C-alpha atoms as a PDB file:
ATOM      1  CA  MET A   1      97.434 116.121 112.577  1.00  0.00           C
ATOM      2  CA  ALA A   2      99.848 114.007 110.572  1.00  0.00           C
ATOM      3  CA  VAL A   3     102.141 115.635 108.038  1.00  0.00           C
ATOM      4  CA  ILE A   4     101.780 114.459 104.465  1.00  0.00           C
ATOM      5  CA  ALA A   5     104.894 115.083 102.359  1.00  0.00           C
ATOM      6  CA  GLU A   6     104.469 116.718  98.879  1.00  0.00           C
ATOM      7  CA  VAL A   7     106.878 114.763  96.697  1.00  0.00           C
ATOM      8  CA  SER A   8     108.519 116.037  93.521  1.00  0.00           C
ATOM      9  CA  GLY A   9     111.259 114.878  91.294  1.00  0.00           C
ATOM     10  CA  GLU A  10     113.706 116.718  93.476  1.00  0.00           C
ATOM     11  CA  THR A  11     112.527 115.086  96.724  1.00  0.00           C
ATOM     12  CA  PHE A  12     111.413 111.651  95.608  1.00  0.00           C
ATOM     13  CA  ILE A  13     114.677 109.816  96.530  1.00  0.00           C
ATOM     14  CA  GLU A  14     114.857 111.489  99.943  1.00  0.00           C
ATOM     15  CA  GLU A  15     111.165 111.277 100.817  1.00  0.00           C
ATOM     16  CA  VAL A  16     110.292 107.894  99.409  1.00  0.00           C
ATOM     17  CA  ILE A  17     113.255 105.784  98.420  1.00  0.00           C
ATOM     18  CA  ASP A  18     115.463 106.569 101.394  1.00  0.00           C
ATOM     19  CA  SER A  19     112.631 106.600 103.950  1.00  0.00           C
ATOM     20  CA  GLU A  20     113.239 104.459 107.090  1.00  0.00           C
ATOM     21  CA  LEU A  21     109.482 104.014 107.354  1.00  0.00           C
ATOM     22  CA  PRO A  22     107.295 102.346 104.742  1.00  0.00           C
ATOM     23  CA  VAL A  23     105.847 105.074 102.459  1.00  0.00           C
ATOM     24  CA  LEU A  24     102.381 105.172 101.051  1.00  0.00           C
ATOM     25  CA  LEU A  25     102.728 107.358  97.857  1.00  0.00           C
ATOM     26  CA  ASP A  26      99.311 108.799  96.773  1.00  0.00           C
ATOM     27  CA  CYS A  27      99.561 109.558  93.020  1.00  0.00           C
ATOM     28  CA  TRP A  28      96.915 112.094  92.081  1.00  0.00           C
ATOM     29  CA  ALA A  29      95.962 115.000  89.896  1.00  0.00           C
ATOM     30  CA  ALA A  30      93.772 118.171  90.548  1.00  0.00           C
ATOM     31  CA  TRP A  31      91.363 117.249  87.805  1.00  0.00           C
ATOM     32  CA  CYS A  32      90.781 113.750  89.145  1.00  0.00           C
ATOM     33  CA  GLY A  33      87.491 113.475  91.008  1.00  0.00           C
ATOM     34  CA  PRO A  34      88.184 110.225  92.730  1.00  0.00           C
ATOM     35  CA  CYS A  35      91.530 111.572  93.858  1.00  0.00           C
ATOM     36  CA  ARG A  36      89.742 114.491  95.538  1.00  0.00           C
ATOM     37  CA  ARG A  37      87.316 112.058  97.209  1.00  0.00           C
ATOM     38  CA  LEU A  38      90.275 109.884  98.395  1.00  0.00           C
ATOM     39  CA  ALA A  39      92.124 112.827 100.046  1.00  0.00           C
ATOM     40  CA  PRO A  40      90.176 112.645 103.444  1.00  0.00           C
ATOM     41  CA  GLU A  41      90.769 108.860 103.529  1.00  0.00           C
ATOM     42  CA  ILE A  42      94.580 109.358 102.968  1.00  0.00           C
ATOM     43  CA  GLU A  43      94.626 112.071 105.673  1.00  0.00           C
ATOM     44  CA  ALA A  44      92.893 109.916 108.158  1.00  0.00           C
ATOM     45  CA  LEU A  45      95.279 106.926 107.370  1.00  0.00           C
ATOM     46  CA  ALA A  46      98.264 109.180 107.808  1.00  0.00           C
ATOM     47  CA  GLU A  47      97.067 110.320 111.201  1.00  0.00           C
ATOM     48  CA  GLU A  48      96.172 106.817 112.472  1.00  0.00           C
ATOM     49  CA  GLN A  49      99.409 105.224 111.212  1.00  0.00           C
ATOM     50  CA  GLU A  50     101.800 108.060 112.185  1.00  0.00           C
ATOM     51  CA  GLY A  51     105.169 106.690 113.288  1.00  0.00           C
ATOM     52  CA  ARG A  52     104.456 103.449 111.562  1.00  0.00           C
ATOM     53  CA  LEU A  53     103.801 104.690 107.962  1.00  0.00           C
ATOM     54  CA  LYS A  54     104.890 107.790 106.146  1.00  0.00           C
ATOM     55  CA  VAL A  55     102.372 109.143 103.707  1.00  0.00           C
ATOM     56  CA  ALA A  56     103.253 111.255 100.718  1.00  0.00           C
ATOM     57  CA  LYS A  57     101.518 112.740  97.704  1.00  0.00           C
ATOM     58  CA  LEU A  58     102.726 113.040  94.100  1.00  0.00           C
ATOM     59  CA  ASP A  59     101.025 115.291  91.662  1.00  0.00           C
ATOM     60  CA  VAL A  60     101.372 113.373  88.394  1.00  0.00           C
ATOM     61  CA  ASP A  61     100.723 116.350  86.228  1.00  0.00           C
ATOM     62  CA  GLU A  62     103.780 118.173  87.754  1.00  0.00           C
ATOM     63  CA  ASN A  63     105.871 115.068  87.954  1.00  0.00           C
ATOM     64  CA  PRO A  64     105.115 112.883  84.923  1.00  0.00           C
ATOM     65  CA  ASP A  65     108.592 111.377  84.933  1.00  0.00           C
ATOM     66  CA  ILE A  66     108.254 109.949  88.404  1.00  0.00           C
ATOM     67  CA  ALA A  67     104.783 108.696  87.727  1.00  0.00           C
ATOM     68  CA  GLN A  68     106.029 106.913  84.580  1.00  0.00           C
ATOM     69  CA  LEU A  69     109.042 105.509  86.530  1.00  0.00           C
ATOM     70  CA  CYS A  70     106.601 104.003  89.092  1.00  0.00           C
ATOM     71  CA  GLY A  71     104.338 102.590  86.427  1.00  0.00           C
ATOM     72  CA  VAL A  72     101.310 104.818  87.201  1.00  0.00           C
ATOM     73  CA  SER A  73      98.782 104.728  84.473  1.00  0.00           C
ATOM     74  CA  LEU A  74      95.467 105.097  86.363  1.00  0.00           C
ATOM     75  CA  LEU A  75      94.388 107.638  89.030  1.00  0.00           C
ATOM     76  CA  PRO A  76      94.206 107.479  91.886  1.00  0.00           C
ATOM     77  CA  THR A  77      97.026 105.031  92.467  1.00  0.00           C
ATOM     78  CA  MET A  78      98.560 104.465  95.906  1.00  0.00           C
ATOM     79  CA  LEU A  79     101.978 102.726  95.934  1.00  0.00           C
ATOM     80  CA  LEU A  80     103.498 101.266  99.037  1.00  0.00           C
ATOM     81  CA  PHE A  81     107.241 101.435  99.220  1.00  0.00           C
ATOM     82  CA  VAL A  82     109.215  99.464 101.759  1.00  0.00           C
ATOM     83  CA  ASP A  83     112.991  99.947 101.838  1.00  0.00           C
ATOM     84  CA  GLY A  84     112.644 101.897  98.560  1.00  0.00           C
ATOM     85  CA  VAL A  85     110.893  99.102  96.670  1.00  0.00           C
ATOM     86  CA  ILE A  86     107.222  99.032  95.559  1.00  0.00           C
ATOM     87  CA  GLN A  87     105.536  96.260  97.518  1.00  0.00           C
ATOM     88  CA  THR A  88     101.934  96.769  96.420  1.00  0.00           C
ATOM     89  CA  ALA A  89      99.614  99.135  94.550  1.00  0.00           C
ATOM     90  CA  VAL A  90      96.039 100.133  95.376  1.00  0.00           C
ATOM     91  CA  VAL A  91      94.292 101.579  92.297  1.00  0.00           C
ATOM     92  CA  GLY A  92      91.029 103.577  92.399  1.00  0.00           C
ATOM     93  CA  PHE A  93      89.061 105.010  95.204  1.00  0.00           C
ATOM     94  CA  HIS A  94      89.008 102.945  98.358  1.00  0.00           C
ATOM     95  CA  GLU A  95      88.023 103.763 101.899  1.00  0.00           C
ATOM     96  CA  LYS A  96      90.842 103.997 104.481  1.00  0.00           C
ATOM     97  CA  ASN A  97      90.162 100.603 105.975  1.00  0.00           C
ATOM     98  CA  ALA A  98      90.369  98.861 102.610  1.00  0.00           C
ATOM     99  CA  ILE A  99      93.703 100.597 101.911  1.00  0.00           C
ATOM    100  CA  LEU A 100      94.974  99.473 105.295  1.00  0.00           C
ATOM    101  CA  VAL A 101      93.994  95.930 104.639  1.00  0.00           C
ATOM    102  CA  ALA A 102      95.929  95.945 101.382  1.00  0.00           C
ATOM    103  CA  ILE A 103      99.098  97.423 102.905  1.00  0.00           C
ATOM    104  CA  GLU A 104      99.039  95.904 106.427  1.00  0.00           C
ATOM    105  CA  PRO A 105     100.964  92.696 105.488  1.00  0.00           C
ATOM    106  CA  HIS A 106     103.870  94.749 104.284  1.00  0.00           C
ATOM    107  CA  LEU A 107     103.910  96.918 107.281  1.00  0.00           C
ATOM    108  CA  THR A 108     103.913  93.892 109.647  1.00  0.00           C
ATOM    109  CA  ALA A 109     106.755  92.302 107.663  1.00  0.00           C
ATOM    110  CA  LYS A 110     108.770  95.505 108.008  1.00  0.00           C
ATOM    111  CA  ALA A 111     108.187  95.730 111.748  1.00  0.00           C
ATOM    112  CA  LYS A 112     109.515  92.165 112.110  1.00  0.00           C
ATOM    113  CA  SER A 113     112.656  92.788 110.066  1.00  0.00           C
END
């Protein structure tokens, strides 16, 4: 089973910005129903893309400063960081394959560089 990093203000730079792999940051909150529905999709994506994509979670209630810095205003929001820069955002509940379609072009570009 793939490891999903829990990101906080203290670990954001190390886990997301400085990551050698692209990072899919799942911004969520415990009270968010679609976020809970999304969790198994994110876990499956992390497992299938292990070694190619790092997956991390950010609880926006516990880390509102990071959420604001990243421009998160709706939940769930998944942000793809490549070399520390947001490349794309996927907002709302989506199945794993739809998320992969949205982020795949950025993963491929990273692999070529």
